[in-house]
Amino acid sequence: MKITQTHAIAFFSVIFMLMASISLLAVQKFQYSTTTVLASRTAEVIATTVNQARVSYSADIAQISLHPDITVETLYHGKPLSIPNPATFAIELGEAVSNRDAGIIIHTYSKYPFKNRALTGGPQDKFQQDALAILSTINPVFERIEELGGTPVLRHSEAILMEKSCVDCHNYHPNSPKKDWKIGDIRGAIDVTVPLEGGNDDLAAIVRYSYIIFMAFSVISLLGMFITLKRTHQQSKELDKKVKIRTNILNEMAYTDSLTLIANRRAYEEFCDNIINKKCANSLPLAIIIYDLDHFKQINDQYGHDMGDECLIATVEAVSAILPADNNFHARIGGEEFAIILKHVSNEQLEQTVQRILESVRQVKVLKQPDIKVTCSIGATLATELNETTIKSIVKTADDALYEAKSLGRDQYVSKPYDIHHK
């Protein structure tokens, strides 16, 4: 009888140990799989966001580069009216978003880097070489788990496809190493590295605790597994929240002018398109005001571009302060050119607003250089009907009014009525 009881205890002890071992292995595998899936999701969101930011920036560059005073180049730092080309923008954006302390690294590289980026612009390791060999328009994503500095990481590579603006630039640039690009060709890739370890110490402690408890009593072990799953789910929600926050920050950067912190040209154009596409008849009458600082180049030349930037910031703050709080859209659409859209305004209200803008700009004071005098020229129009296909004709009316104000001597405004039948 004693032998039977001993055998039973031993049998159940072995069963409990086996179940504990299986449960521990299952939890560890689940933890690893969850971490891998979350890392893959994080890498995908980051790569897609950076790539979309590059595409949007490249589209904007095509318009900005037409400005005679603005240059687009690689070595733009410290050069007045010089902005980075799309490749430089993507590289610097990746570096800015990277968090090396947390193990998140973003690197943009090319199959055919320019000579000035021969050492850093091409594939840097075996993974990036393999990615370029495997990526295609059918399979635009390549992932692999590797070790980096003794730490397991997920490597995510996403193809960069040639856009029309990219093809035109690369095929005609004198330093381009390849001049037969076509739209849709794979130019390179975005490499996102996300660690698979770190930040899970609490989860590991719970798993070990669950294993010890299961050895003593199976019910407590099941409860420990439930707590582990709950903590894993919570970590997943927290990671998703962080990814959304970073995505929102990148989206805000894409639609905000970095100097004046108001909307940029891209946000302005999409806002205008939405007015037409959504047929916002409830926005009428709709006023568009375009104002341009007078002789701004002379301010830059005489006082330097830092003072010029201070002047732009002070002007935007002064103009924004006199606009209706809940009924305006204010954007920087050029170097010293700005646009304002007002809804539900009359001709009298429009005239009052442009006069207040003129006066507020005249009173702008740059603290570091109080002798700077600022004025602006304004073109405005009021639309009581919306064109069915485009808002460009409304904007053109305001532009024509602006040029007329300049030709009359500047520091004044011209308001032209908008005729929906005139194109």
Protein backbone atom coordinates (compact mmCIF):
# COMPACT_ATOMS: atom_id res chain seq x y z
CA MET A 1 0.00 0.00 0.00
CA LYS A 2 2.82 2.36 0.85
CA ILE A 3 4.50 1.47 -2.40
CA THR A 4 1.30 2.30 -4.33
CA GLN A 5 0.95 5.70 -2.63
CA THR A 6 4.60 6.44 -3.25
CA HIS A 7 4.21 5.47 -6.89
CA ALA A 8 1.08 7.63 -7.20
CA ILE A 9 2.82 10.63 -5.64
CA ALA A 10 5.81 10.07 -7.88
CA PHE A 11 3.56 9.67 -10.90
CA PHE A 12 1.62 12.86 -10.22
CA SER A 13 4.86 14.65 -9.35
CA VAL A 14 6.29 13.66 -12.73
CA ILE A 15 3.04 14.70 -14.47
CA PHE A 16 3.08 18.05 -12.69
CA MET A 17 6.75 18.58 -13.56
CA LEU A 18 6.10 17.62 -17.18
CA MET A 19 3.09 19.93 -17.39
CA ALA A 20 5.09 22.70 -15.74
CA SER A 21 7.93 22.23 -18.22
CA ILE A 22 5.55 22.16 -21.19
CA SER A 23 3.70 25.22 -19.87
CA LEU A 24 6.96 27.08 -19.30
CA LEU A 25 8.18 26.27 -22.81
CA ALA A 26 4.81 27.27 -24.26
CA VAL A 27 4.82 30.59 -22.41
CA GLN A 28 8.41 31.31 -23.44
CA LYS A 29 7.62 30.50 -27.06
CA PHE A 30 4.52 32.67 -26.92
CA GLN A 31 6.53 35.50 -25.40
CA TYR A 32 9.12 35.20 -28.17
CA SER A 33 6.48 35.04 -30.94
CA THR A 34 4.59 38.01 -29.53
CA THR A 35 7.77 40.03 -29.27
CA THR A 36 8.65 39.12 -32.86
CA VAL A 37 5.19 40.08 -34.18
CA LEU A 38 5.24 43.38 -32.31
CA ALA A 39 8.75 44.12 -33.55
CA SER A 40 7.66 43.35 -37.12
CA ARG A 41 4.61 45.61 -36.78
CA THR A 42 6.71 48.42 -35.31
CA ALA A 43 9.33 48.10 -38.08
CA GLU A 44 6.64 48.07 -40.77
CA VAL A 45 4.95 51.21 -39.42
CA ILE A 46 8.28 53.06 -39.10
CA ALA A 47 9.48 52.04 -42.58
CA THR A 48 6.16 52.90 -44.22
CA THR A 49 5.98 56.26 -42.44
CA VAL A 50 9.55 57.26 -43.38
CA ASN A 51 9.03 56.09 -46.98
CA GLN A 52 5.74 58.01 -47.27
CA ALA A 53 7.37 61.10 -45.81
CA ARG A 54 10.13 60.78 -48.45
CA VAL A 55 7.57 60.37 -51.27
CA SER A 56 5.56 63.37 -50.07
CA TYR A 57 8.72 65.46 -49.67
CA SER A 58 9.88 64.44 -53.16
CA ALA A 59 6.54 65.54 -54.61
CA ASP A 60 6.79 68.89 -52.80
CA ILE A 61 10.40 69.36 -53.98
CA ALA A 62 9.23 69.19 -57.60
CA GLN A 63 7.25 72.38 -56.98
CA ILE A 64 9.69 74.11 -54.63
CA SER A 65 12.68 73.55 -56.93
CA LEU A 66 11.00 75.73 -59.57
CA HIS A 67 11.64 78.75 -57.34
CA PRO A 68 14.67 80.59 -58.77
CA ASP A 69 16.15 81.37 -55.34
CA ILE A 70 15.90 77.88 -53.83
CA THR A 71 18.44 75.12 -54.45
CA VAL A 72 17.97 71.43 -53.74
CA GLU A 73 21.19 69.59 -52.94
CA THR A 74 22.95 67.08 -50.71
CA LEU A 75 25.30 69.48 -48.87
CA TYR A 76 22.67 72.04 -47.97
CA HIS A 77 23.64 72.76 -44.37
CA GLY A 78 24.60 76.38 -43.77
CA LYS A 79 23.59 77.45 -47.28
CA PRO A 80 20.90 80.15 -47.54
CA LEU A 81 17.73 79.07 -49.37
CA SER A 82 19.12 75.55 -49.78
CA ILE A 83 17.09 72.48 -48.85
CA PRO A 84 17.99 68.76 -48.88
CA ASN A 85 17.24 66.52 -51.80
CA PRO A 86 14.79 63.64 -51.13
CA ALA A 87 17.58 61.08 -50.51
CA THR A 88 19.29 63.33 -47.94
CA PHE A 89 15.91 64.10 -46.36
CA ALA A 90 15.13 60.37 -45.98
CA ILE A 91 18.57 59.63 -44.51
CA GLU A 92 18.39 62.48 -41.99
CA LEU A 93 14.79 61.66 -41.10
CA GLY A 94 15.81 58.06 -40.39
CA GLU A 95 18.66 59.25 -38.19
CA ALA A 96 16.33 61.63 -36.33
CA VAL A 97 13.69 58.95 -35.69
CA SER A 98 16.26 56.31 -34.68
CA ASN A 99 16.65 55.63 -30.97
CA ARG A 100 19.97 53.83 -30.64
CA ASP A 101 19.69 53.66 -26.85
CA ALA A 102 16.51 51.60 -27.30
CA GLY A 103 18.08 49.62 -30.16
CA ILE A 104 15.84 51.05 -32.92
CA ILE A 105 18.00 51.90 -35.96
CA ILE A 106 16.79 53.22 -39.33
CA HIS A 107 19.11 53.27 -42.35
CA THR A 108 18.28 54.20 -45.94
CA TYR A 109 20.60 52.76 -48.58
CA SER A 110 20.78 52.45 -52.36
CA LYS A 111 21.83 49.94 -55.00
CA TYR A 112 23.73 52.69 -56.80
CA PRO A 113 24.83 55.34 -54.30
CA PHE A 114 26.30 58.61 -55.52
CA LYS A 115 30.08 58.93 -55.22
CA ASN A 116 29.83 61.28 -52.25
CA ARG A 117 27.94 58.50 -50.39
CA ALA A 118 29.89 55.55 -51.71
CA LEU A 119 30.94 54.43 -48.21
CA THR A 120 27.67 54.97 -46.35
CA GLY A 121 24.99 55.07 -49.03
CA GLY A 122 25.24 51.45 -50.23
CA PRO A 123 24.48 48.17 -48.42
CA GLN A 124 26.50 47.98 -45.20
CA ASP A 125 26.20 44.29 -44.31
CA LYS A 126 25.09 40.86 -45.51
CA PHE A 127 21.45 41.48 -44.60
CA GLN A 128 21.22 44.62 -46.71
CA GLN A 129 22.95 42.87 -49.62
CA ASP A 130 20.51 39.94 -49.37
CA ALA A 131 17.58 42.36 -49.16
CA LEU A 132 18.56 44.12 -52.41
CA ALA A 133 18.90 40.72 -54.11
CA ILE A 134 15.45 39.52 -52.96
CA LEU A 135 13.28 42.67 -52.94
CA SER A 136 11.01 43.17 -55.94
CA THR A 137 7.76 44.92 -56.80
CA ILE A 138 5.97 41.63 -56.01
CA ASN A 139 7.87 41.10 -52.74
CA PRO A 140 8.63 44.64 -51.49
CA VAL A 141 9.42 43.54 -47.90
CA PHE A 142 12.21 41.33 -46.55
CA GLU A 143 12.63 40.36 -42.87
CA ARG A 144 15.11 38.28 -40.91
CA ILE A 145 16.05 37.74 -37.27
CA GLU A 146 19.74 38.26 -36.56
CA GLU A 147 22.09 39.03 -33.70
CA LEU A 148 23.53 42.53 -33.39
CA GLY A 149 26.12 43.06 -30.68
CA GLY A 150 25.03 39.84 -29.00
CA THR A 151 21.35 40.91 -28.91
CA PRO A 152 18.66 39.28 -31.09
CA VAL A 153 17.01 41.83 -33.41
CA LEU A 154 14.42 41.87 -36.16
CA ARG A 155 15.74 43.30 -39.44
CA HIS A 156 13.00 44.71 -41.69
CA SER A 157 13.82 45.98 -45.18
CA GLU A 158 11.28 47.74 -47.41
CA ALA A 159 11.90 48.58 -51.06
CA ILE A 160 12.22 52.18 -52.25
CA LEU A 161 10.64 52.52 -55.70
CA MET A 162 11.57 55.16 -58.24
CA GLU A 163 8.95 57.90 -58.57
CA LYS A 164 8.67 60.13 -61.63
CA SER A 165 10.47 63.01 -59.92
CA CYS A 166 13.24 60.60 -58.84
CA VAL A 167 13.68 59.25 -62.38
CA ASP A 168 13.98 62.73 -63.88
CA CYS A 169 16.62 63.73 -61.32
CA HIS A 170 18.74 60.58 -61.34
CA ASN A 171 18.79 60.08 -65.10
CA TYR A 172 19.97 63.63 -65.79
CA HIS A 173 22.15 64.36 -62.77
CA PRO A 174 25.79 64.60 -63.88
CA ASN A 175 27.04 62.55 -60.89
CA SER A 176 24.41 59.83 -61.10
CA PRO A 177 26.02 56.35 -61.32
CA LYS A 178 23.01 54.99 -63.27
CA LYS A 179 21.12 56.89 -65.96
CA ASP A 180 18.55 54.41 -67.28
CA TRP A 181 16.09 54.40 -64.37
CA LYS A 182 12.43 53.75 -65.01
CA ILE A 183 9.39 54.46 -62.85
CA GLY A 184 8.86 51.54 -60.47
CA ASP A 185 12.50 50.38 -60.44
CA ILE A 186 13.88 49.47 -57.02
CA ARG A 187 16.45 52.15 -56.16
CA GLY A 188 17.26 50.90 -52.67
CA ALA A 189 15.61 50.09 -49.36
CA ILE A 190 14.80 51.31 -45.86
CA ASP A 191 16.35 49.08 -43.19
CA VAL A 192 14.66 49.16 -39.75
CA THR A 193 16.28 47.28 -36.85
CA VAL A 194 14.10 46.54 -33.80
CA PRO A 195 15.46 44.65 -30.73
CA LEU A 196 13.68 41.46 -29.61
CA GLU A 197 14.92 41.77 -26.03
CA GLY A 198 14.76 44.49 -23.42
CA GLY A 199 11.78 45.92 -21.61
CA ASN A 200 10.39 42.44 -20.80
CA ASP A 201 11.99 41.83 -17.39
CA ASP A 202 8.62 41.94 -15.63
CA LEU A 203 7.20 39.39 -18.06
CA ALA A 204 10.15 37.03 -17.55
CA ALA A 205 9.75 37.31 -13.76
CA ILE A 206 6.10 36.37 -14.02
CA VAL A 207 6.94 33.34 -16.17
CA ARG A 208 9.48 32.09 -13.62
CA TYR A 209 7.05 32.68 -10.78
CA SER A 210 4.35 30.77 -12.65
CA TYR A 211 6.68 27.81 -13.10
CA ILE A 212 7.49 27.58 -9.37
CA ILE A 213 3.84 27.92 -8.37
CA PHE A 214 2.74 25.25 -10.87
CA MET A 215 5.10 22.79 -9.24
CA ALA A 216 3.25 23.26 -5.95
CA PHE A 217 -0.29 23.63 -7.13
CA SER A 218 -1.64 23.48 -10.72
CA VAL A 219 -4.48 25.97 -10.22
CA ILE A 220 -2.09 28.70 -9.06
CA SER A 221 0.09 27.92 -12.06
CA LEU A 222 -2.86 28.47 -14.42
CA LEU A 223 -3.57 31.76 -12.67
CA GLY A 224 0.07 32.74 -13.17
CA MET A 225 -0.25 32.01 -16.90
CA PHE A 226 -3.36 34.18 -17.05
CA ILE A 227 -1.45 37.07 -15.43
CA THR A 228 1.37 36.56 -17.92
CA LEU A 229 -1.00 36.77 -20.88
CA LYS A 230 -2.62 39.85 -19.40
CA ARG A 231 0.75 41.57 -18.96
CA THR A 232 1.75 40.64 -22.53
CA HIS A 233 -1.46 42.14 -23.86
CA GLN A 234 -0.85 45.31 -21.84
CA GLN A 235 2.68 45.59 -23.23
CA SER A 236 1.27 45.17 -26.73
CA LYS A 237 -1.19 48.03 -26.14
CA GLU A 238 1.57 50.25 -24.73
CA LEU A 239 3.81 49.54 -27.73
CA ASP A 240 0.94 50.27 -30.14
CA LYS A 241 0.35 53.54 -28.31
CA LYS A 242 4.02 54.52 -28.66
CA VAL A 243 3.97 53.64 -32.37
CA LYS A 244 0.84 55.76 -32.88
CA ILE A 245 2.44 58.69 -31.04
CA ARG A 246 5.56 58.51 -33.25
CA THR A 247 3.40 58.16 -36.36
CA ASN A 248 1.36 61.22 -35.35
CA ILE A 249 4.57 63.18 -34.77
CA LEU A 250 5.85 62.28 -38.26
CA ASN A 251 2.50 63.14 -39.83
CA GLU A 252 2.47 66.50 -38.03
CA MET A 253 6.00 67.18 -39.29
CA ALA A 254 4.84 66.45 -42.84
CA TYR A 255 2.08 69.08 -42.64
CA THR A 256 3.76 71.80 -40.54
CA ASP A 257 6.24 74.49 -41.56
CA SER A 258 9.25 73.87 -39.32
CA LEU A 259 10.14 77.57 -38.94
CA THR A 260 6.82 79.33 -38.35
CA LEU A 261 4.93 76.27 -36.99
CA ILE A 262 1.87 76.99 -39.12
CA ALA A 263 0.63 74.80 -41.98
CA ASN A 264 2.99 74.21 -44.91
CA ARG A 265 2.25 74.22 -48.63
CA ARG A 266 1.29 70.55 -48.69
CA ALA A 267 -1.33 71.09 -45.96
CA TYR A 268 -2.57 74.19 -47.79
CA GLU A 269 -3.04 72.34 -51.10
CA GLU A 270 -4.83 69.41 -49.45
CA PHE A 271 -7.06 71.84 -47.54
CA CYS A 272 -8.01 73.55 -50.80
CA ASP A 273 -8.66 70.21 -52.52
CA ASN A 274 -10.90 69.10 -49.66
CA ILE A 275 -13.04 72.20 -50.03
CA ILE A 276 -13.80 71.19 -53.63
CA ASN A 277 -13.88 67.39 -53.23
CA LYS A 278 -16.25 67.52 -50.26
CA LYS A 279 -18.32 70.26 -51.92
CA CYS A 280 -18.24 72.37 -48.76
CA ALA A 281 -21.03 74.74 -49.74
CA ASN A 282 -21.51 75.50 -46.06
CA SER A 283 -18.11 77.26 -46.16
CA LEU A 284 -19.39 80.01 -48.45
CA PRO A 285 -18.70 82.84 -48.84
CA LEU A 286 -15.04 81.78 -48.96
CA ALA A 287 -12.15 84.25 -48.94
CA ILE A 288 -8.57 83.56 -49.97
CA ILE A 289 -5.89 86.04 -48.92
CA ILE A 290 -2.31 85.79 -50.17
CA TYR A 291 0.27 88.12 -48.65
CA ASP A 292 3.96 88.50 -49.44
CA LEU A 293 6.57 90.41 -47.42
CA ASP A 294 7.94 93.38 -49.35
CA HIS A 295 11.64 93.44 -50.27
CA PHE A 296 12.36 90.49 -47.98
CA LYS A 297 15.54 89.62 -49.87
CA GLN A 298 16.98 92.99 -48.83
CA ILE A 299 16.34 92.10 -45.18
CA ASN A 300 18.19 88.79 -45.63
CA ASP A 301 21.04 90.49 -47.45
CA GLN A 302 21.42 93.34 -44.96
CA TYR A 303 20.77 91.58 -41.64
CA GLY A 304 21.41 87.92 -42.42
CA HIS A 305 19.11 84.94 -42.76
CA ASP A 306 18.84 84.41 -39.00
CA MET A 307 17.24 87.82 -38.66
CA GLY A 308 15.16 87.04 -41.72
CA ASP A 309 13.84 83.93 -39.99
CA GLU A 310 13.08 85.96 -36.84
CA CYS A 311 11.22 88.42 -39.03
CA LEU A 312 9.10 85.63 -40.58
CA ILE A 313 8.28 84.18 -37.15
CA ALA A 314 7.29 87.59 -35.75
CA THR A 315 5.15 88.34 -38.82
CA VAL A 316 3.26 85.03 -38.59
CA GLU A 317 2.61 85.58 -34.87
CA ALA A 318 1.33 89.11 -35.52
CA VAL A 319 -0.97 88.05 -38.36
CA SER A 320 -2.27 84.96 -36.55
CA ALA A 321 -3.16 87.09 -33.54
CA ILE A 322 -5.67 89.19 -35.49
CA LEU A 323 -7.35 86.32 -37.40
CA PRO A 324 -10.69 84.87 -36.22
CA ALA A 325 -9.90 82.10 -33.72
CA ASP A 326 -12.12 79.34 -35.17
CA ASN A 327 -12.58 80.43 -38.75
CA ASN A 328 -9.19 80.56 -40.46
CA PHE A 329 -6.50 78.48 -42.12
CA HIS A 330 -3.03 80.07 -42.15
CA ALA A 331 -0.19 78.53 -44.18
CA ARG A 332 3.30 79.33 -45.41
CA ILE A 333 3.28 78.55 -49.15
CA GLY A 334 6.66 79.98 -50.14
CA GLY A 335 9.77 81.60 -48.72
CA GLU A 336 8.06 84.83 -47.58
CA GLU A 337 4.63 84.14 -49.09
CA PHE A 338 1.63 83.14 -46.97
CA ALA A 339 -1.99 82.23 -47.57
CA ILE A 340 -5.09 82.62 -45.41
CA ILE A 341 -8.48 80.99 -46.03
CA LEU A 342 -11.53 82.40 -44.26
CA LYS A 343 -15.02 80.89 -44.28
CA HIS A 344 -18.38 82.62 -43.93
CA VAL A 345 -17.08 86.16 -44.49
CA SER A 346 -18.60 89.17 -46.21
CA ASN A 347 -16.84 91.71 -48.41
CA GLU A 348 -16.82 94.14 -45.49
CA GLN A 349 -15.27 91.57 -43.15
CA LEU A 350 -12.68 90.67 -45.78
CA GLU A 351 -11.71 94.32 -46.24
CA GLN A 352 -11.44 94.80 -42.46
CA THR A 353 -9.27 91.70 -42.16
CA VAL A 354 -6.76 92.66 -44.89
CA GLN A 355 -6.48 96.17 -43.45
CA ARG A 356 -5.74 94.70 -40.02
CA ILE A 357 -3.14 92.39 -41.59
CA LEU A 358 -1.43 95.35 -43.27
CA GLU A 359 -1.35 97.27 -40.00
CA SER A 360 -0.20 94.32 -37.88
CA VAL A 361 2.68 93.62 -40.28
CA ARG A 362 3.73 97.27 -40.21
CA GLN A 363 3.94 97.06 -36.42
CA VAL A 364 6.11 93.92 -36.38
CA LYS A 365 9.22 94.38 -34.24
CA VAL A 366 12.19 92.03 -34.29
CA LEU A 367 13.60 92.20 -30.77
CA LYS A 368 17.19 91.50 -31.80
CA GLN A 369 17.07 94.06 -34.63
CA PRO A 370 14.43 96.72 -33.85
CA ASP A 371 15.33 98.91 -36.84
CA ILE A 372 13.96 96.35 -39.31
CA LYS A 373 10.81 97.68 -40.97
CA VAL A 374 8.36 95.15 -42.37
CA THR A 375 5.50 95.67 -44.80
CA CYS A 376 3.55 93.35 -47.04
CA SER A 377 1.48 93.31 -50.21
CA ILE A 378 -1.85 91.50 -50.20
CA GLY A 379 -4.08 89.98 -52.85
CA ALA A 380 -7.55 88.80 -51.89
CA THR A 381 -10.70 87.40 -53.43
CA LEU A 382 -14.13 86.32 -52.21
CA ALA A 383 -15.97 83.37 -53.75
CA THR A 384 -19.71 82.95 -53.31
CA GLU A 385 -19.81 79.85 -55.52
CA LEU A 386 -17.47 76.89 -55.85
CA ASN A 387 -16.06 75.55 -59.10
CA GLU A 388 -16.94 71.88 -59.59
CA THR A 389 -13.47 70.70 -60.49
CA THR A 390 -10.75 72.93 -59.10
CA ILE A 391 -9.95 75.75 -56.70
CA LYS A 392 -6.94 76.87 -58.76
CA SER A 393 -8.96 79.57 -60.49
CA ILE A 394 -9.90 81.09 -57.11
CA VAL A 395 -6.27 81.04 -56.01
CA LYS A 396 -5.22 82.56 -59.34
CA THR A 397 -7.61 85.45 -58.78
CA ALA A 398 -5.97 86.14 -55.41
CA ASP A 399 -2.50 85.79 -57.00
CA ASP A 400 -3.41 88.29 -59.73
CA ALA A 401 -4.60 90.70 -57.07
CA LEU A 402 -1.29 90.26 -55.18
CA TYR A 403 0.79 91.09 -58.25
CA GLU A 404 -1.36 94.13 -58.90
CA ALA A 405 -0.79 95.32 -55.31
CA LYS A 406 2.96 94.95 -55.85
CA SER A 407 2.86 96.83 -59.13
CA LEU A 408 1.01 99.71 -57.45
CA GLY A 409 3.89 100.24 -55.03
CA ARG A 410 3.56 97.50 -52.36
CA ASP A 411 2.48 97.93 -48.71
CA GLN A 412 -1.16 97.80 -49.81
CA TYR A 413 -3.86 95.36 -50.83
CA VAL A 414 -5.97 94.68 -53.88
CA SER A 415 -9.20 92.69 -53.70
CA LYS A 416 -10.66 91.17 -56.86
CA PRO A 417 -14.11 89.56 -57.08
CA TYR A 418 -14.07 85.93 -58.16
CA ASP A 419 -16.04 85.02 -61.27
CA ILE A 420 -16.82 81.28 -61.37
CA HIS A 421 -17.37 81.43 -65.14
CA HIS A 422 -13.94 82.98 -65.80
CA LYS A 423 -11.03 80.49 -66.06
